[in-house]
Amino acid sequence: MEIVSKIKSNPKLKKLALYLLMPKNQARPRLWVKLLINPFKHHKGKGSLIRHSVRMDVMPFNYFSLGDNSTIEDFSTINNGVGAVLIGDRVRIGLGNTLIGPITIGNDIMFAQNIVLSGLNHGYEDISLPISDQAISTKPIVVEDEVWIGANAVITAGVTIGKHSIVAAGSVVVKSVPPYSIVGGNPAKLLKQYNQTTKLWERVRD
């Protein structure tokens, strides 16, 4: 849209727009945005549930969608400030999860507790500036269908978790995971893969 392009290209207009949408130094939207814009901008599927204690730092300038029969459990945080957060059907986002876009989550997925997915990174290269004042970068996270992620796992920017894979509890995933795999550790390493020929989950040799 032309007006959006004008706002983005004009630093003063952009600053004013952000002030109207969210309080200074906060990531959450103002009440009027939450009540009057977000319900018409974003999608919540049939039979889906967002618990009352979920912190929805959801802004109108990026998308948020929750598919059918999916649940976001208590004390989780959803933030689409720097990229869309798209969640598919029959997904369970467990207690205390943090999702910072850009993130795309498929269907039939289980997230345990206290998991962090962040498609955002802060710049740090310029030592004359605080890290908080440096430019951010984003790389999309993709979680394909039928994935199970264990408690306290961290998925970093740019990672894809392949279909029907498992991330062990406490893992820090910094590289993409192939489909039908089990990874674990910090940094996460490939532990097992499903062999389509033998029809068995086989341990991966170092």
Protein backbone atom coordinates (compact mmCIF):
# COMPACT_ATOMS: atom_id res chain seq x y z
CA MET A 1 0.00 0.00 0.00
CA GLU A 2 1.24 3.47 -0.87
CA ILE A 3 0.60 4.98 2.57
CA VAL A 4 2.51 2.15 4.27
CA SER A 5 5.48 2.69 1.94
CA LYS A 6 5.48 6.41 2.71
CA ILE A 7 5.48 5.77 6.45
CA LYS A 8 8.29 3.23 6.22
CA SER A 9 10.44 5.54 4.09
CA ASN A 10 9.98 8.59 6.35
CA PRO A 11 11.74 8.24 9.74
CA LYS A 12 9.54 10.85 11.43
CA LEU A 13 6.29 9.31 10.19
CA LYS A 14 7.54 5.85 11.12
CA LYS A 15 8.39 7.01 14.65
CA LEU A 16 4.96 8.62 15.02
CA ALA A 17 3.18 5.52 13.72
CA LEU A 18 5.06 3.28 16.14
CA TYR A 19 4.23 5.63 19.03
CA LEU A 20 0.53 5.44 18.16
CA LEU A 21 0.66 1.64 17.92
CA MET A 22 2.71 0.82 21.03
CA PRO A 23 4.00 2.61 24.16
CA LYS A 24 7.61 3.76 24.08
CA ASN A 25 10.16 1.05 24.89
CA GLN A 26 7.48 -1.64 24.92
CA ALA A 27 6.73 -4.46 22.52
CA ARG A 28 3.02 -4.85 23.25
CA PRO A 29 0.29 -3.00 21.32
CA ARG A 30 -1.80 -0.22 22.78
CA LEU A 31 -5.25 -1.20 23.97
CA TRP A 32 -7.02 0.43 21.01
CA VAL A 33 -4.89 -1.61 18.60
CA LYS A 34 -5.65 -4.81 20.50
CA LEU A 35 -9.40 -4.15 20.55
CA LEU A 36 -10.10 -2.35 17.27
CA ILE A 37 -7.50 -3.52 14.73
CA ASN A 38 -6.02 -6.91 15.64
CA PRO A 39 -9.34 -8.85 15.64
CA PHE A 40 -9.86 -7.84 12.00
CA LYS A 41 -6.23 -8.16 10.90
CA HIS A 42 -5.28 -11.55 12.38
CA HIS A 43 -6.79 -15.03 12.18
CA LYS A 44 -7.84 -17.44 14.89
CA GLY A 45 -9.11 -20.79 13.62
CA LYS A 46 -12.19 -22.76 14.56
CA GLY A 47 -11.87 -24.57 17.89
CA SER A 48 -8.61 -22.81 18.79
CA LEU A 49 -7.77 -21.41 22.20
CA ILE A 50 -5.42 -18.71 23.45
CA ARG A 51 -5.25 -18.84 27.25
CA HIS A 52 -5.97 -15.61 29.14
CA SER A 53 -2.46 -15.27 30.57
CA VAL A 54 -0.77 -15.45 27.14
CA ARG A 55 1.10 -12.23 26.33
CA MET A 56 0.07 -11.30 22.80
CA ASP A 57 2.65 -8.77 21.58
CA VAL A 58 0.91 -8.82 18.22
CA MET A 59 1.04 -5.78 15.95
CA PRO A 60 -1.03 -5.09 12.80
CA PHE A 61 1.93 -4.52 10.46
CA ASN A 62 2.90 -8.23 10.46
CA TYR A 63 0.61 -11.24 10.34
CA PHE A 64 -0.42 -13.56 13.12
CA SER A 65 -2.55 -16.64 12.51
CA LEU A 66 -3.56 -19.63 14.60
CA GLY A 67 -5.03 -22.62 12.78
CA ASP A 68 -7.99 -24.81 13.66
CA ASN A 69 -8.07 -26.76 16.94
CA SER A 70 -4.78 -25.31 18.18
CA THR A 71 -3.91 -24.08 21.68
CA ILE A 72 -1.46 -21.56 23.10
CA GLU A 73 -1.02 -22.41 26.75
CA ASP A 74 -0.67 -20.10 29.76
CA PHE A 75 2.29 -17.74 30.29
CA SER A 76 3.45 -17.95 26.67
CA THR A 77 4.50 -14.89 24.64
CA ILE A 78 3.78 -14.33 20.96
CA ASN A 79 5.65 -11.47 19.25
CA ASN A 80 5.24 -10.60 15.57
CA GLY A 81 6.91 -7.19 15.77
CA VAL A 82 9.70 -8.04 13.31
CA GLY A 83 8.09 -10.92 11.43
CA ALA A 84 4.90 -12.92 11.01
CA VAL A 85 3.99 -15.74 13.38
CA LEU A 86 1.97 -18.37 11.52
CA ILE A 87 0.76 -21.43 13.44
CA GLY A 88 -1.05 -24.32 11.76
CA ASP A 89 -3.81 -26.75 12.72
CA ARG A 90 -3.83 -29.08 15.75
CA VAL A 91 -0.79 -27.44 17.34
CA ARG A 92 -0.14 -27.34 21.10
CA ILE A 93 2.11 -24.49 22.21
CA GLY A 94 3.05 -25.48 25.76
CA LEU A 95 3.28 -23.51 29.00
CA GLY A 96 5.70 -20.59 28.99
CA ASN A 97 6.77 -20.75 25.34
CA THR A 98 8.21 -17.66 23.61
CA LEU A 99 7.73 -17.24 19.85
CA ILE A 100 9.35 -14.25 18.13
CA GLY A 101 8.79 -14.06 14.38
CA PRO A 102 9.36 -14.60 11.58
CA ILE A 103 8.13 -18.12 12.35
CA THR A 104 6.05 -20.61 10.39
CA ILE A 105 4.74 -23.64 12.30
CA GLY A 106 3.02 -26.49 10.46
CA ASN A 107 0.28 -28.91 11.54
CA ASP A 108 0.04 -31.61 14.23
CA ILE A 109 2.89 -30.26 16.33
CA MET A 110 3.65 -30.53 20.05
CA PHE A 111 5.72 -27.97 21.95
CA ALA A 112 6.52 -28.81 25.58
CA GLN A 113 7.26 -26.15 28.23
CA ASN A 114 9.54 -23.09 28.26
CA ILE A 115 10.64 -23.36 24.62
CA VAL A 116 12.09 -20.32 22.82
CA LEU A 117 11.95 -19.76 19.08
CA SER A 118 13.37 -16.44 17.88
CA GLY A 119 13.81 -15.39 14.28
CA LEU A 120 15.48 -12.18 15.49
CA ASN A 121 19.11 -11.34 16.15
CA HIS A 122 20.60 -8.09 17.49
CA GLY A 123 23.56 -6.46 15.79
CA TYR A 124 26.70 -6.10 17.89
CA GLU A 125 29.51 -5.31 15.44
CA ASP A 126 29.77 -1.55 16.11
CA ILE A 127 31.48 -1.26 19.51
CA SER A 128 30.74 2.48 19.69
CA LEU A 129 27.02 1.75 20.11
CA PRO A 130 25.12 -0.24 22.72
CA ILE A 131 23.80 -3.49 21.29
CA SER A 132 20.26 -2.26 21.99
CA ASP A 133 20.80 0.64 19.54
CA GLN A 134 22.14 -1.46 16.67
CA ALA A 135 20.16 -2.79 13.75
CA ILE A 136 18.41 -6.11 14.08
CA SER A 137 18.37 -8.91 11.53
CA THR A 138 15.82 -11.64 10.95
CA LYS A 139 15.90 -15.12 9.47
CA PRO A 140 12.72 -17.21 9.29
CA ILE A 141 12.26 -20.29 11.47
CA VAL A 142 10.21 -23.10 9.93
CA VAL A 143 8.80 -26.02 11.91
CA GLU A 144 7.36 -28.62 9.56
CA ASP A 145 4.42 -30.95 10.26
CA GLU A 146 4.36 -33.53 13.09
CA VAL A 147 7.34 -32.18 15.03
CA TRP A 148 7.76 -32.65 18.80
CA ILE A 149 10.00 -30.20 20.69
CA GLY A 150 11.01 -31.02 24.26
CA ALA A 151 11.02 -28.69 27.27
CA ASN A 152 13.52 -25.81 27.54
CA ALA A 153 14.72 -26.15 23.94
CA VAL A 154 15.95 -23.10 22.02
CA ILE A 155 15.53 -22.80 18.23
CA THR A 156 17.64 -20.04 16.69
CA ALA A 157 17.04 -17.79 13.68
CA GLY A 158 17.16 -19.39 10.25
CA VAL A 159 16.59 -22.98 11.41
CA THR A 160 14.16 -25.41 9.77
CA ILE A 161 12.97 -28.42 11.75
CA GLY A 162 12.05 -31.14 9.25
CA LYS A 163 8.84 -33.16 9.25
CA HIS A 164 8.19 -35.72 12.03
CA SER A 165 11.40 -34.81 13.85
CA ILE A 166 12.08 -34.61 17.58
CA VAL A 167 14.15 -32.03 19.44
CA ALA A 168 15.26 -33.38 22.83
CA ALA A 169 14.63 -31.37 25.99
CA GLY A 170 17.23 -28.70 26.72
CA SER A 171 18.64 -28.65 23.19
CA VAL A 172 19.97 -25.53 21.47
CA VAL A 173 19.32 -25.92 17.75
CA VAL A 174 21.58 -23.76 15.58
CA LYS A 175 21.43 -25.78 12.34
CA SER A 176 18.48 -27.12 10.36
CA VAL A 177 17.22 -30.59 11.19
CA PRO A 178 16.44 -33.11 8.41
CA PRO A 179 12.98 -34.73 8.29
CA TYR A 180 12.45 -37.87 10.41
CA SER A 181 15.35 -37.11 12.74
CA ILE A 182 16.07 -36.87 16.46
CA VAL A 183 18.50 -34.20 17.66
CA GLY A 184 19.78 -33.27 21.10
CA GLY A 185 22.45 -31.37 22.97
CA ASN A 186 24.03 -27.91 22.98
CA PRO A 187 24.60 -27.33 20.17
CA ALA A 188 22.12 -29.95 19.01
CA LYS A 189 23.54 -32.91 17.09
CA LEU A 190 21.86 -35.58 15.02
CA LEU A 191 21.22 -38.64 17.20
CA LYS A 192 18.84 -40.85 15.21
CA GLN A 193 17.16 -40.96 11.81
CA TYR A 194 14.35 -43.05 10.43
CA ASN A 195 15.55 -45.50 7.76
CA GLN A 196 12.89 -45.81 5.08
CA THR A 197 14.37 -49.14 3.96
CA THR A 198 14.59 -50.93 7.30
CA LYS A 199 11.58 -49.07 8.79
CA LEU A 200 13.59 -48.45 11.96
CA TRP A 201 14.88 -45.43 13.88
CA GLU A 202 18.64 -45.91 13.66
CA ARG A 203 21.36 -44.26 15.73
CA VAL A 204 23.68 -41.98 13.79
CA ARG A 205 27.36 -42.79 14.18
CA ASP A 206 29.77 -39.95 15.02
